[in-house]
Amino acid sequence: RGTNENTNGLIRQYFPKNRDFTTITQQEIDHAMKRLNNRPRKRLGYLTPNQVFFKNTLALQN
């Protein structure tokens, strides 16, 4: 639960609670997603989510 709440807080940096979600563009979503997926996380041993995902994906292919 803690990781989920932390991630929600990170998302709120880009999209505050008072923001009307119908006004958010795909470009804004892509920007936030790129920034968040390349942000090191303590829970992941200071790796980024992208590093962990692609490392595991490559391991499954071998």
N, C-alpha and C. Protein backbone atom coordinates (compact mmCIF):
# COMPACT_ATOMS: atom_id res chain seq x y z
N ARG A 1 0.81 -1.20 0.00
CA ARG A 1 0.00 0.00 0.00
C ARG A 1 0.86 1.27 0.00
N GLY A 2 1.98 1.23 0.69
CA GLY A 2 2.84 2.40 0.78
C GLY A 2 3.40 2.82 -0.57
N THR A 3 3.81 1.84 -1.38
CA THR A 3 4.36 2.16 -2.70
C THR A 3 3.29 2.82 -3.57
N ASN A 4 2.07 2.32 -3.48
CA ASN A 4 0.97 2.89 -4.25
C ASN A 4 0.70 4.33 -3.83
N GLU A 5 0.66 4.59 -2.54
CA GLU A 5 0.41 5.95 -2.05
C GLU A 5 1.54 6.89 -2.46
N ASN A 6 2.77 6.40 -2.41
CA ASN A 6 3.91 7.22 -2.82
C ASN A 6 3.81 7.56 -4.30
N THR A 7 3.45 6.57 -5.11
CA THR A 7 3.31 6.81 -6.55
C THR A 7 2.20 7.81 -6.83
N ASN A 8 1.09 7.71 -6.10
CA ASN A 8 0.01 8.69 -6.27
C ASN A 8 0.51 10.10 -5.97
N GLY A 9 1.32 10.25 -4.94
CA GLY A 9 1.88 11.56 -4.61
C GLY A 9 2.78 12.08 -5.71
N LEU A 10 3.56 11.19 -6.32
CA LEU A 10 4.43 11.60 -7.43
C LEU A 10 3.60 12.05 -8.63
N ILE A 11 2.53 11.33 -8.91
CA ILE A 11 1.66 11.69 -10.03
C ILE A 11 1.01 13.05 -9.77
N ARG A 12 0.66 13.31 -8.53
CA ARG A 12 0.01 14.59 -8.18
C ARG A 12 0.95 15.78 -8.38
N GLN A 13 2.25 15.54 -8.46
CA GLN A 13 3.18 16.64 -8.77
C GLN A 13 2.92 17.16 -10.19
N TYR A 14 2.49 16.27 -11.05
CA TYR A 14 2.23 16.64 -12.44
C TYR A 14 0.77 17.02 -12.67
N PHE A 15 -0.13 16.39 -11.92
CA PHE A 15 -1.56 16.61 -12.09
C PHE A 15 -2.21 16.84 -10.72
N PRO A 16 -2.21 18.08 -10.24
CA PRO A 16 -2.77 18.39 -8.91
C PRO A 16 -4.25 18.02 -8.81
N LYS A 17 -4.74 17.88 -7.60
CA LYS A 17 -6.12 17.47 -7.36
C LYS A 17 -7.14 18.41 -7.98
N ASN A 18 -6.83 19.68 -8.05
CA ASN A 18 -7.81 20.63 -8.60
C ASN A 18 -7.79 20.67 -10.13
N ARG A 19 -6.98 19.86 -10.75
CA ARG A 19 -6.86 19.84 -12.22
C ARG A 19 -8.02 19.05 -12.82
N ASP A 20 -8.65 19.61 -13.82
CA ASP A 20 -9.71 18.93 -14.55
C ASP A 20 -9.07 17.93 -15.50
N PHE A 21 -9.29 16.65 -15.26
CA PHE A 21 -8.61 15.62 -16.04
C PHE A 21 -9.04 15.60 -17.50
N THR A 22 -10.14 16.22 -17.82
CA THR A 22 -10.54 16.27 -19.23
C THR A 22 -9.68 17.24 -20.03
N THR A 23 -8.87 18.06 -19.34
CA THR A 23 -8.01 19.02 -20.03
C THR A 23 -6.58 18.51 -20.22
N ILE A 24 -6.29 17.33 -19.71
CA ILE A 24 -4.93 16.79 -19.80
C ILE A 24 -4.70 16.22 -21.20
N THR A 25 -3.58 16.61 -21.80
CA THR A 25 -3.26 16.14 -23.15
C THR A 25 -2.43 14.86 -23.09
N GLN A 26 -2.41 14.14 -24.19
CA GLN A 26 -1.58 12.93 -24.26
C GLN A 26 -0.11 13.28 -24.10
N GLN A 27 0.28 14.44 -24.58
CA GLN A 27 1.68 14.88 -24.44
C GLN A 27 2.04 15.06 -22.97
N GLU A 28 1.13 15.62 -22.18
CA GLU A 28 1.38 15.79 -20.75
C GLU A 28 1.49 14.44 -20.05
N ILE A 29 0.64 13.50 -20.43
CA ILE A 29 0.69 12.16 -19.84
C ILE A 29 2.00 11.48 -20.20
N ASP A 30 2.40 11.56 -21.45
CA ASP A 30 3.66 10.95 -21.89
C ASP A 30 4.85 11.54 -21.16
N HIS A 31 4.84 12.86 -20.96
CA HIS A 31 5.93 13.53 -20.25
C HIS A 31 6.01 13.03 -18.80
N ALA A 32 4.89 13.01 -18.11
CA ALA A 32 4.86 12.55 -16.72
C ALA A 32 5.28 11.08 -16.63
N MET A 33 4.78 10.26 -17.53
CA MET A 33 5.11 8.84 -17.53
C MET A 33 6.61 8.62 -17.74
N LYS A 34 7.18 9.36 -18.68
CA LYS A 34 8.61 9.24 -18.95
C LYS A 34 9.43 9.65 -17.72
N ARG A 35 9.05 10.76 -17.10
CA ARG A 35 9.78 11.23 -15.91
C ARG A 35 9.66 10.25 -14.75
N LEU A 36 8.45 9.74 -14.51
CA LEU A 36 8.23 8.83 -13.38
C LEU A 36 8.90 7.47 -13.60
N ASN A 37 8.88 6.96 -14.81
CA ASN A 37 9.48 5.66 -15.09
C ASN A 37 11.00 5.69 -15.15
N ASN A 38 11.56 6.90 -15.18
CA ASN A 38 13.02 7.04 -15.18
C ASN A 38 13.53 7.66 -13.88
N ARG A 39 12.70 7.67 -12.86
CA ARG A 39 13.07 8.20 -11.55
C ARG A 39 13.51 7.05 -10.65
N PRO A 40 14.73 7.10 -10.10
CA PRO A 40 15.19 6.02 -9.22
C PRO A 40 14.28 5.88 -7.99
N ARG A 41 14.06 4.65 -7.58
CA ARG A 41 13.20 4.37 -6.42
C ARG A 41 13.98 3.58 -5.38
N LYS A 42 13.90 4.02 -4.15
CA LYS A 42 14.56 3.32 -3.05
C LYS A 42 14.11 1.87 -2.99
N ARG A 43 12.81 1.64 -3.18
CA ARG A 43 12.22 0.30 -3.11
C ARG A 43 12.82 -0.64 -4.16
N LEU A 44 13.33 -0.08 -5.24
CA LEU A 44 13.91 -0.87 -6.32
C LEU A 44 15.44 -0.86 -6.26
N GLY A 45 15.99 -0.56 -5.10
CA GLY A 45 17.44 -0.52 -4.96
C GLY A 45 18.05 0.63 -5.73
N TYR A 46 17.33 1.71 -5.81
CA TYR A 46 17.72 2.94 -6.52
C TYR A 46 17.87 2.75 -8.02
N LEU A 47 17.23 1.71 -8.54
CA LEU A 47 17.09 1.56 -9.99
C LEU A 47 15.80 2.25 -10.39
N THR A 48 15.66 2.51 -11.67
CA THR A 48 14.41 3.10 -12.16
C THR A 48 13.44 1.97 -12.51
N PRO A 49 12.15 2.26 -12.53
CA PRO A 49 11.19 1.23 -12.97
C PRO A 49 11.52 0.70 -14.37
N ASN A 50 11.96 1.56 -15.27
CA ASN A 50 12.33 1.09 -16.61
C ASN A 50 13.50 0.11 -16.56
N GLN A 51 14.51 0.40 -15.75
CA GLN A 51 15.65 -0.51 -15.65
C GLN A 51 15.21 -1.88 -15.14
N VAL A 52 14.37 -1.90 -14.13
CA VAL A 52 13.90 -3.17 -13.56
C VAL A 52 13.05 -3.92 -14.58
N PHE A 53 12.12 -3.22 -15.22
CA PHE A 53 11.23 -3.87 -16.17
C PHE A 53 12.01 -4.47 -17.34
N PHE A 54 12.88 -3.68 -17.94
CA PHE A 54 13.57 -4.16 -19.13
C PHE A 54 14.63 -5.22 -18.79
N LYS A 55 15.21 -5.15 -17.60
CA LYS A 55 16.14 -6.19 -17.16
C LYS A 55 15.40 -7.51 -17.03
N ASN A 56 14.22 -7.49 -16.42
CA ASN A 56 13.43 -8.71 -16.25
C ASN A 56 12.88 -9.20 -17.58
N THR A 57 12.51 -8.31 -18.47
CA THR A 57 11.99 -8.69 -19.78
C THR A 57 13.08 -9.39 -20.59
N LEU A 58 14.29 -8.84 -20.56
CA LEU A 58 15.40 -9.46 -21.29
C LEU A 58 15.75 -10.82 -20.71
N ALA A 59 15.68 -10.96 -19.39
CA ALA A 59 15.99 -12.24 -18.75
C ALA A 59 14.98 -13.32 -19.18
N LEU A 60 13.72 -12.94 -19.36
CA LEU A 60 12.71 -13.90 -19.79
C LEU A 60 12.92 -14.35 -21.24
N GLN A 61 13.52 -13.49 -22.05
CA GLN A 61 13.72 -13.83 -23.46
C GLN A 61 14.90 -14.76 -23.67
N ASN A 62 15.81 -14.82 -22.72
CA ASN A 62 17.02 -15.67 -22.87
C ASN A 62 16.79 -17.07 -22.42
